[in-house]
């Protein structure tokens, strides 16, 4: 989430506003459909797929776990970027320190709660710092608004970025994780549709507001203050250094580090929850499978390198999984055996969901090759 606006704003300038707009509209459609199906049925994603077609749940689980692994590899890279920005620790060492720290925090329950609280506090402070950067660099807001609706960049060039933001918002395991939490909290069935709808939209709106602020801050840096491309190895941190000086640079490193560690744990936890579908022994030894998932992510990150690029690729890969998982939910929404006799899925939401699934499929096919080409 943090490196994406910096990298794409540096690349597309004001046209990144159009990318944000396109991705949020698609993300809201996706989340409304998926959360309604899962929460009204009261079943997790893989269980809905298995009810729809025996064995399909295993396919969905495999895809979600595979996408989660790619995401978690990128999360470990984000932790290394945080250590490098905050303390100057080399990235290779940072991979193993970030992975090891995540395992320790996960195994110590009180530490996990403290880390989660710290991340929320730092996130709030980061918004304040972003505002300060915006005031200092004075971004061309008029240009940003204009290009949000009339972008100067070619639509075809922006396809990978739209998919990456979409995948990073509702792709792969992410949209399931929120719905599964509501199911765990027993916020299910038709009587809770209002709460389900509110929750599904609110998270995306808040994330988008922060993304817009980051966009404006970085736009001011690359267009007004610096007028140059950012450091490709860590573009977001470089933008904060230019906009808020050394203190802003180090603070961003701390935020990125804490966000990465909590994301590593959350991604591993959710991914392994899907693995439970495959064998009872996984559920019995869930804690150690989560530890192994984090360790595997760390080793692969150390071998692959290029953390900033992998964080972007992770969104693209999970965006490619999206049309499959969304398609399953759209078909399930029409099955009374899954949704219940009294439930009727809104036709407008179904039609928009089909359009979003087809667009995501098109975006995925067109952008994955481009992202892999840049990476290798």
Protein backbone atom coordinates (compact mmCIF):
# COMPACT_ATOMS: atom_id res chain seq x y z
CA UNK A 1 0.00 0.00 0.00
CA UNK A 2 2.71 2.51 0.95
CA UNK A 3 5.17 2.08 -1.97
CA UNK A 4 2.49 1.92 -4.69
CA UNK A 5 1.33 5.58 -4.74
CA UNK A 6 4.93 6.82 -4.75
CA UNK A 7 6.05 4.54 -7.57
CA UNK A 8 3.02 5.17 -9.79
CA UNK A 9 2.83 8.93 -9.11
CA UNK A 10 6.46 9.23 -10.11
CA UNK A 11 5.62 7.34 -13.30
CA UNK A 12 2.23 8.84 -14.27
CA UNK A 13 2.24 12.21 -12.45
CA UNK A 14 -1.33 13.65 -12.28
CA UNK A 15 -2.84 10.73 -14.24
CA UNK A 16 -2.39 8.55 -11.14
CA UNK A 17 -5.61 10.19 -9.94
CA UNK A 18 -7.48 8.36 -12.71
CA UNK A 19 -5.86 5.09 -11.61
CA UNK A 20 -7.07 5.66 -8.04
CA UNK A 21 -10.60 6.48 -9.25
CA UNK A 22 -10.83 3.41 -11.50
CA UNK A 23 -9.48 1.07 -8.83
CA UNK A 24 -11.77 2.31 -6.04
CA UNK A 25 -14.92 1.96 -8.18
CA UNK A 26 -13.97 -1.61 -9.09
CA UNK A 27 -12.91 -2.41 -5.50
CA UNK A 28 -16.23 -1.29 -4.02
CA UNK A 29 -18.18 -3.40 -6.54
CA UNK A 30 -16.01 -6.44 -5.76
CA UNK A 31 -16.20 -6.07 -2.00
CA UNK A 32 -19.96 -5.48 -1.92
CA UNK A 33 -20.53 -8.69 -3.89
CA UNK A 34 -18.04 -10.91 -2.03
CA UNK A 35 -18.91 -9.77 1.50
CA UNK A 36 -22.67 -10.08 0.86
CA UNK A 37 -22.33 -13.66 -0.38
CA UNK A 38 -19.99 -14.82 2.37
CA UNK A 39 -21.65 -13.04 5.29
CA UNK A 40 -25.28 -13.71 4.33
CA UNK A 41 -24.48 -17.40 3.72
CA UNK A 42 -22.34 -17.48 6.88
CA UNK A 43 -19.73 -19.55 5.04
CA UNK A 44 -16.06 -18.88 4.35
CA UNK A 45 -14.85 -18.43 0.79
CA UNK A 46 -13.55 -21.97 0.29
CA UNK A 47 -16.72 -23.46 1.81
CA UNK A 48 -18.94 -21.45 -0.55
CA UNK A 49 -16.86 -22.71 -3.50
CA UNK A 50 -17.10 -26.33 -2.31
CA UNK A 51 -20.87 -26.02 -1.89
CA UNK A 52 -21.08 -24.60 -5.40
CA UNK A 53 -18.97 -27.39 -6.92
CA UNK A 54 -17.31 -30.12 -4.82
CA UNK A 55 -13.55 -29.68 -5.00
CA UNK A 56 -13.71 -26.07 -6.22
CA UNK A 57 -12.98 -24.86 -2.70
CA UNK A 58 -9.57 -26.54 -2.85
CA UNK A 59 -8.79 -24.66 -6.06
CA UNK A 60 -9.87 -21.35 -4.51
CA UNK A 61 -7.88 -22.10 -1.36
CA UNK A 62 -4.77 -22.92 -3.39
CA UNK A 63 -5.05 -19.69 -5.42
CA UNK A 64 -5.62 -17.55 -2.33
CA UNK A 65 -2.68 -19.15 -0.49
CA UNK A 66 -0.43 -18.78 -3.55
CA UNK A 67 -1.41 -15.12 -3.86
CA UNK A 68 -0.94 -14.67 -0.12
CA UNK A 69 2.58 -16.10 -0.37
CA UNK A 70 3.49 -13.60 -3.09
CA UNK A 71 2.04 -10.81 -0.97
CA UNK A 72 3.91 -11.96 2.11
CA UNK A 73 7.19 -12.13 0.24
CA UNK A 74 6.58 -8.48 -0.63
CA UNK A 75 5.67 -7.72 3.00
CA UNK A 76 9.03 -9.10 4.15
CA UNK A 77 10.65 -6.84 1.55
CA UNK A 78 8.68 -3.93 2.99
CA UNK A 79 10.05 -4.73 6.44
CA UNK A 80 13.59 -4.68 5.03
CA UNK A 81 12.91 -1.31 3.38
CA UNK A 82 11.67 -0.05 6.74
CA UNK A 83 14.83 -1.19 8.55
CA UNK A 84 17.00 0.30 5.82
CA UNK A 85 15.19 3.65 5.95
CA UNK A 86 15.05 3.82 9.75
CA UNK A 87 18.48 2.44 10.73
CA UNK A 88 20.42 2.01 7.49
CA UNK A 89 20.46 -1.80 7.83
CA UNK A 90 21.34 -3.51 4.50
CA UNK A 91 18.33 -5.04 2.77
CA UNK A 92 19.65 -8.63 2.88
CA UNK A 93 20.01 -8.50 6.66
CA UNK A 94 16.70 -6.65 6.87
CA UNK A 95 14.82 -9.53 5.22
CA UNK A 96 15.82 -11.98 7.95
CA UNK A 97 15.43 -9.49 10.80
CA UNK A 98 11.93 -8.55 9.59
CA UNK A 99 10.89 -12.19 9.16
CA UNK A 100 12.37 -13.16 12.52
CA UNK A 101 10.72 -10.21 14.28
CA UNK A 102 7.35 -11.15 12.79
CA UNK A 103 7.70 -14.72 14.08
CA UNK A 104 8.63 -13.50 17.57
CA UNK A 105 5.74 -11.01 17.69
CA UNK A 106 3.32 -13.70 16.47
CA UNK A 107 4.41 -16.19 19.13
CA UNK A 108 4.12 -13.56 21.88
CA UNK A 109 0.40 -12.68 21.99
CA UNK A 110 0.84 -9.52 24.07
CA UNK A 111 3.54 -8.32 21.68
CA UNK A 112 1.17 -8.76 18.73
CA UNK A 113 -1.46 -6.58 20.40
CA UNK A 114 1.11 -3.93 21.25
CA UNK A 115 2.50 -3.96 17.70
CA UNK A 116 -0.99 -3.61 16.24
CA UNK A 117 -1.73 -0.65 18.54
CA UNK A 118 1.61 0.98 17.72
CA UNK A 119 0.94 0.62 13.99
CA UNK A 120 -2.44 2.35 14.33
CA UNK A 121 -0.89 5.24 16.29
CA UNK A 122 1.95 5.60 13.79
CA UNK A 123 -0.54 5.44 10.93
CA UNK A 124 -2.40 8.40 12.42
CA UNK A 125 0.85 10.31 12.88
CA UNK A 126 1.86 9.48 9.31
CA UNK A 127 -1.30 11.18 8.02
CA UNK A 128 -0.24 14.31 9.93
CA UNK A 129 3.24 14.11 8.39
CA UNK A 130 1.69 13.67 4.92
CA UNK A 131 -0.32 16.86 5.46
CA UNK A 132 2.86 18.69 6.46
CA UNK A 133 4.58 17.43 3.30
CA UNK A 134 1.59 18.56 1.19
CA UNK A 135 1.78 22.06 2.72
CA UNK A 136 5.55 22.23 2.09
CA UNK A 137 5.62 20.93 -1.50
CA UNK A 138 2.35 22.56 -2.67
CA UNK A 139 1.15 19.93 -5.17
CA UNK A 140 -0.64 21.07 -8.35
CA UNK A 141 -4.12 20.14 -7.12
CA UNK A 142 -5.83 21.53 -10.22
CA UNK A 143 -3.75 19.30 -12.47
CA UNK A 144 -4.50 16.30 -10.24
CA UNK A 145 -8.27 16.90 -10.40
CA UNK A 146 -8.24 17.44 -14.15
CA UNK A 147 -6.20 14.33 -14.92
CA UNK A 148 -8.29 12.22 -12.56
CA UNK A 149 -11.11 12.52 -15.10
CA UNK A 150 -9.11 13.39 -18.25
CA UNK A 151 -5.77 11.60 -17.88
CA UNK A 152 -2.87 12.56 -20.13
CA UNK A 153 -1.29 9.11 -19.87
CA UNK A 154 -2.52 6.37 -22.20
CA UNK A 155 -5.14 4.03 -20.71
CA UNK A 156 -3.17 1.02 -21.98
CA UNK A 157 -0.07 2.20 -20.10
CA UNK A 158 -2.06 2.54 -16.88
CA UNK A 159 -3.56 -0.97 -16.98
CA UNK A 160 -0.86 -2.62 -14.78
CA UNK A 161 -1.17 0.15 -12.19
CA UNK A 162 -4.99 -0.14 -12.03
CA UNK A 163 -4.75 -3.89 -11.52
CA UNK A 164 -2.00 -3.51 -8.92
CA UNK A 165 -4.06 -1.07 -6.84
CA UNK A 166 -7.15 -3.26 -7.25
CA UNK A 167 -5.25 -6.38 -6.24
CA UNK A 168 -3.69 -4.57 -3.29
CA UNK A 169 -7.14 -3.46 -2.10
CA UNK A 170 -9.45 -6.47 -2.69
CA UNK A 171 -7.34 -9.09 -4.48
CA UNK A 172 -6.43 -12.57 -3.28
CA UNK A 173 -6.85 -13.14 0.44
CA UNK A 174 -7.53 -9.49 1.34
CA UNK A 175 -11.27 -9.23 0.68
CA UNK A 176 -11.83 -12.70 2.20
CA UNK A 177 -9.97 -11.72 5.37
CA UNK A 178 -12.42 -8.92 6.19
CA UNK A 179 -15.49 -11.03 5.43
CA UNK A 180 -14.13 -13.92 7.49
CA UNK A 181 -13.63 -11.59 10.45
CA UNK A 182 -17.29 -10.56 10.25
CA UNK A 183 -18.29 -14.23 10.13
CA UNK A 184 -16.13 -14.91 13.19
CA UNK A 185 -17.91 -12.00 14.94
CA UNK A 186 -21.27 -13.59 13.97
CA UNK A 187 -22.26 -10.57 11.84
CA UNK A 188 -24.07 -12.72 9.30
CA UNK A 189 -27.46 -13.35 7.64
CA UNK A 190 -29.83 -10.83 6.03
CA UNK A 191 -30.66 -9.02 9.26
CA UNK A 192 -27.07 -7.70 9.36
CA UNK A 193 -26.90 -6.59 5.71
CA UNK A 194 -26.70 -2.93 6.72
CA UNK A 195 -23.65 -3.52 8.91
CA UNK A 196 -22.08 -5.78 6.29
CA UNK A 197 -22.52 -3.18 3.54
CA UNK A 198 -21.26 -0.35 5.73
CA UNK A 199 -18.15 -2.30 6.77
CA UNK A 200 -17.36 -3.42 3.21
CA UNK A 201 -17.38 0.14 1.85
CA UNK A 202 -15.90 2.00 4.84
CA UNK A 203 -12.54 0.23 4.80
CA UNK A 204 -12.00 0.92 1.10
CA UNK A 205 -13.03 4.59 1.43
CA UNK A 206 -10.62 5.19 4.33
CA UNK A 207 -7.77 3.47 2.49
CA UNK A 208 -8.52 5.53 -0.63
CA UNK A 209 -8.49 8.83 1.30
CA UNK A 210 -5.01 8.02 2.65
CA UNK A 211 -3.92 6.95 -0.84
CA UNK A 212 -5.11 10.30 -2.26
CA UNK A 213 -3.13 12.19 0.39
CA UNK A 214 -0.02 10.16 -0.45
CA UNK A 215 -0.63 10.84 -4.14
CA UNK A 216 -0.81 14.61 -3.60
CA UNK A 217 2.28 14.62 -1.37
CA UNK A 218 4.36 12.66 -3.87
CA UNK A 219 2.96 14.65 -6.82
CA UNK A 220 4.14 17.84 -5.16
CA UNK A 221 7.58 16.33 -4.68
CA UNK A 222 8.05 15.02 -8.24
CA UNK A 223 6.42 17.98 -10.02
CA UNK A 224 6.84 21.06 -7.81
CA UNK A 225 9.57 20.53 -5.23
CA UNK A 226 12.05 18.19 -6.89
CA UNK A 227 10.89 17.84 -10.46
CA UNK A 228 12.72 14.55 -10.78
CA UNK A 229 12.12 10.82 -10.59
CA UNK A 230 12.26 9.21 -7.15
CA UNK A 231 14.71 6.53 -6.04
CA UNK A 232 13.24 3.36 -7.56
CA UNK A 233 14.54 1.13 -4.75
CA UNK A 234 12.39 2.93 -2.14
CA UNK A 235 10.33 5.67 -3.83
CA UNK A 236 7.95 6.42 -0.96
CA UNK A 237 10.76 6.98 1.56
CA UNK A 238 12.62 9.16 -0.94
CA UNK A 239 9.50 11.31 -1.38
CA UNK A 240 9.29 11.82 2.39
CA UNK A 241 12.97 12.72 2.57
CA UNK A 242 12.58 15.39 -0.11
CA UNK A 243 9.33 16.70 1.35
CA UNK A 244 9.96 16.50 5.11
CA UNK A 245 13.72 16.14 5.45
CA UNK A 246 15.68 13.53 7.37
CA UNK A 247 13.18 13.36 10.24
CA UNK A 248 10.31 12.65 7.84
CA UNK A 249 12.46 10.05 6.09
CA UNK A 250 13.26 8.16 9.32
CA UNK A 251 9.68 8.40 10.56
CA UNK A 252 8.40 6.89 7.33
CA UNK A 253 10.86 4.02 7.84
CA UNK A 254 9.37 3.35 11.28
CA UNK A 255 5.81 3.38 9.92
CA UNK A 256 6.77 1.09 7.03
CA UNK A 257 8.53 -1.32 9.40
CA UNK A 258 5.60 -1.63 11.82
CA UNK A 259 3.07 -1.90 9.00
CA UNK A 260 5.17 -4.60 7.34
CA UNK A 261 5.52 -6.73 10.48
CA UNK A 262 1.78 -6.67 11.23
CA UNK A 263 1.05 -7.38 7.54
CA UNK A 264 3.44 -10.35 7.51
CA UNK A 265 1.62 -11.88 10.46
CA UNK A 266 -1.89 -11.06 9.21
CA UNK A 267 -1.21 -12.37 5.72
CA UNK A 268 0.33 -15.59 7.02
CA UNK A 269 -2.55 -16.14 9.48
CA UNK A 270 -5.23 -15.66 6.81
CA UNK A 271 -3.41 -17.74 4.18
CA UNK A 272 -2.97 -20.66 6.58
CA UNK A 273 -6.67 -20.42 7.49
CA UNK A 274 -7.34 -21.41 3.87
CA UNK A 275 -4.79 -24.23 4.07
CA UNK A 276 -6.92 -25.84 6.79
CA UNK A 277 -9.19 -26.99 3.98
CA UNK A 278 -6.56 -29.45 2.76
CA UNK A 279 -5.89 -31.51 5.91
CA UNK A 280 -6.89 -31.66 9.58
CA UNK A 281 -3.24 -31.80 10.66
CA UNK A 282 -2.81 -28.24 9.37
CA UNK A 283 -5.58 -27.02 11.67
CA UNK A 284 -4.09 -28.98 14.56
CA UNK A 285 -0.64 -27.44 14.03
CA UNK A 286 -1.84 -24.06 12.73
CA UNK A 287 0.65 -22.03 14.77
CA UNK A 288 3.67 -23.79 13.31
CA UNK A 289 2.33 -23.65 9.77
CA UNK A 290 2.05 -19.86 10.19
CA UNK A 291 5.66 -19.73 11.42
CA UNK A 292 6.73 -21.86 8.44
CA UNK A 293 4.78 -19.61 6.05
CA UNK A 294 6.62 -16.56 7.37
CA UNK A 295 9.99 -18.35 7.19
CA UNK A 296 9.35 -19.45 3.59
CA UNK A 297 8.36 -15.89 2.62
CA UNK A 298 11.58 -14.60 4.16
CA UNK A 299 13.85 -17.05 2.34
CA UNK A 300 12.18 -16.45 -1.03
CA UNK A 301 12.48 -12.68 -0.55
CA UNK A 302 16.17 -13.03 0.25
CA UNK A 303 16.70 -15.05 -2.94
CA UNK A 304 14.55 -12.84 -5.19
CA UNK A 305 15.54 -9.37 -3.94
CA UNK A 306 13.98 -6.17 -5.36
CA UNK A 307 11.47 -5.55 -2.52
CA UNK A 308 9.84 -2.42 -3.96
CA UNK A 309 9.16 -4.15 -7.28
CA UNK A 310 7.86 -7.29 -5.55
CA UNK A 311 5.41 -5.23 -3.47
CA UNK A 312 3.92 -3.93 -6.72
CA UNK A 313 3.99 -7.37 -8.38
CA UNK A 314 2.13 -8.81 -5.38
CA UNK A 315 -0.83 -6.55 -6.09
CA UNK A 316 -0.79 -7.55 -9.76
CA UNK A 317 -0.74 -11.30 -9.00
CA UNK A 318 -3.60 -11.01 -6.51
CA UNK A 319 -5.51 -8.91 -9.03
CA UNK A 320 -5.22 -11.80 -11.48
CA UNK A 321 -6.74 -14.18 -8.91
CA UNK A 322 -9.60 -11.74 -8.30
CA UNK A 323 -11.82 -12.62 -11.33
CA UNK A 324 -11.85 -16.28 -10.26
CA UNK A 325 -12.78 -15.67 -6.63
CA UNK A 326 -15.28 -12.96 -7.58
CA UNK A 327 -16.79 -15.23 -10.25
CA UNK A 328 -17.37 -17.96 -7.66
CA UNK A 329 -19.21 -15.50 -5.40
CA UNK A 330 -21.32 -14.13 -8.26
CA UNK A 331 -22.52 -17.62 -9.24
CA UNK A 332 -23.11 -18.52 -5.58
CA UNK A 333 -25.24 -15.37 -5.13
CA UNK A 334 -27.85 -16.96 -7.40
CA UNK A 335 -28.00 -20.29 -5.54
CA UNK A 336 -30.75 -20.59 -2.92
CA UNK A 337 -29.00 -23.66 -1.49
CA UNK A 338 -26.15 -21.33 -0.47
CA UNK A 339 -27.84 -17.97 0.14
CA UNK A 340 -31.15 -19.19 1.57
CA UNK A 341 -34.68 -19.16 0.18
CA UNK A 342 -35.48 -15.53 1.05
CA UNK A 343 -32.31 -13.80 -0.18
CA UNK A 344 -32.31 -11.95 -3.51
CA UNK A 345 -29.00 -10.55 -4.73
CA UNK A 346 -29.52 -7.06 -6.25
CA UNK A 347 -29.51 -7.30 -10.07
CA UNK A 348 -27.54 -4.06 -10.45
CA UNK A 349 -24.85 -5.40 -8.12
CA UNK A 350 -24.71 -8.70 -10.02
CA UNK A 351 -24.34 -6.91 -13.39
CA UNK A 352 -21.65 -4.57 -12.05
CA UNK A 353 -19.91 -7.58 -10.49
CA UNK A 354 -19.82 -9.40 -13.84
CA UNK A 355 -18.40 -6.28 -15.51
CA UNK A 356 -15.78 -5.93 -12.75
CA UNK A 357 -14.79 -9.61 -13.08
CA UNK A 358 -14.37 -9.30 -16.85
CA UNK A 359 -12.39 -6.08 -16.50
CA UNK A 360 -10.17 -7.63 -13.82
CA UNK A 361 -9.54 -10.62 -16.09
CA UNK A 362 -8.60 -8.30 -18.97
CA UNK A 363 -6.39 -6.17 -16.75
CA UNK A 364 -4.71 -9.25 -15.30
CA UNK A 365 -3.86 -10.88 -18.60
CA UNK A 366 -2.50 -7.60 -20.00
CA UNK A 367 -0.46 -6.53 -17.00
CA UNK A 368 1.06 -9.68 -15.52
CA UNK A 369 3.44 -10.13 -18.44
CA UNK A 370 4.52 -6.50 -18.21
CA UNK A 371 5.21 -6.76 -14.47
CA UNK A 372 7.15 -10.02 -14.85
CA UNK A 373 9.16 -8.46 -17.68
CA UNK A 374 10.17 -5.55 -15.46
CA UNK A 375 11.06 -7.86 -12.59
CA UNK A 376 13.18 -10.33 -14.58
